[in-house]
């Protein structure tokens, strides 16, 4: 299981290639993100991440992330 914390620097694969950024929030209950409900729980949290390069915000499950 991947457990990440706010402030961790991570990498993930996007349609544009690999992206790196910093986790800004950890969500453990359902949350509205960019107009869609994201299902989150304590067992399967999702992480809000700010891209280093563009400042773009993304949200991913821990399984999609790798610490850098």
Protein backbone atom coordinates (compact mmCIF):
# COMPACT_ATOMS: atom_id res chain seq x y z
CA UNK A 1 0.00 0.00 0.00
CA UNK A 2 1.28 3.46 -0.87
CA UNK A 3 0.86 6.00 1.90
CA UNK A 4 1.75 9.57 1.12
CA UNK A 5 1.61 12.81 3.11
CA UNK A 6 1.16 16.49 2.35
CA UNK A 7 4.50 17.87 1.19
CA UNK A 8 5.70 14.62 -0.42
CA UNK A 9 7.22 15.03 -3.88
CA UNK A 10 5.70 12.48 -6.27
CA UNK A 11 5.65 11.43 -9.92
CA UNK A 12 2.76 10.11 -12.00
CA UNK A 13 2.02 9.22 -15.59
CA UNK A 14 -0.37 11.49 -17.49
CA UNK A 15 -1.50 11.54 -21.10
CA UNK A 16 1.29 14.08 -21.70
CA UNK A 17 3.98 11.87 -20.11
CA UNK A 18 5.46 11.73 -16.64
CA UNK A 19 4.68 14.65 -14.34
CA UNK A 20 6.18 15.56 -10.97
CA UNK A 21 4.66 17.64 -8.21
CA UNK A 22 3.98 18.10 -4.53
CA UNK A 23 1.02 16.73 -2.60
CA UNK A 24 -1.05 19.63 -1.27
CA UNK A 25 -3.99 17.71 0.25
CA UNK A 26 -4.92 14.17 1.28
CA UNK A 27 -8.63 13.37 0.95
CA UNK A 28 -10.13 10.53 3.02
CA UNK A 29 -13.80 11.22 2.31
CA UNK A 30 -15.68 11.93 -0.92
CA UNK A 31 -14.83 15.32 -2.41
CA UNK A 32 -15.91 17.45 -5.37
CA UNK A 33 -12.93 18.11 -7.66
CA UNK A 34 -13.20 19.99 -10.95
CA UNK A 35 -16.95 19.38 -11.16
CA UNK A 36 -16.85 15.64 -10.40
CA UNK A 37 -17.29 13.66 -7.22
CA UNK A 38 -14.13 11.74 -6.34
CA UNK A 39 -14.61 8.68 -4.14
CA UNK A 40 -12.13 8.72 -1.27
CA UNK A 41 -11.88 6.79 2.00
CA UNK A 42 -9.38 6.21 4.80
CA UNK A 43 -8.47 2.90 3.15
CA UNK A 44 -8.23 4.43 -0.35
CA UNK A 45 -7.39 8.13 -0.07
CA UNK A 46 -6.84 10.37 -3.05
CA UNK A 47 -4.18 13.03 -3.21
CA UNK A 48 -4.36 16.54 -4.62
CA UNK A 49 -1.07 17.36 -6.30
CA UNK A 50 0.34 20.61 -7.73
CA UNK A 51 2.52 20.12 -10.81
CA UNK A 52 6.05 21.49 -10.49
CA UNK A 53 6.15 22.61 -14.11
CA UNK A 54 2.70 24.12 -14.73
CA UNK A 55 1.10 24.61 -11.30
CA UNK A 56 -1.82 22.50 -12.58
CA UNK A 57 -3.80 20.66 -9.89
CA UNK A 58 -4.46 16.95 -10.30
CA UNK A 59 -5.97 14.27 -8.08
CA UNK A 60 -4.83 10.66 -8.02
CA UNK A 61 -5.04 7.50 -5.95
CA UNK A 62 -1.87 6.38 -4.21
CA UNK A 63 -1.50 3.47 -6.63
CA UNK A 64 -0.82 5.95 -9.46
CA UNK A 65 1.93 7.78 -7.56
CA UNK A 66 5.59 7.15 -6.88
CA UNK A 67 7.75 9.12 -4.43
CA UNK A 68 10.68 10.95 -5.99
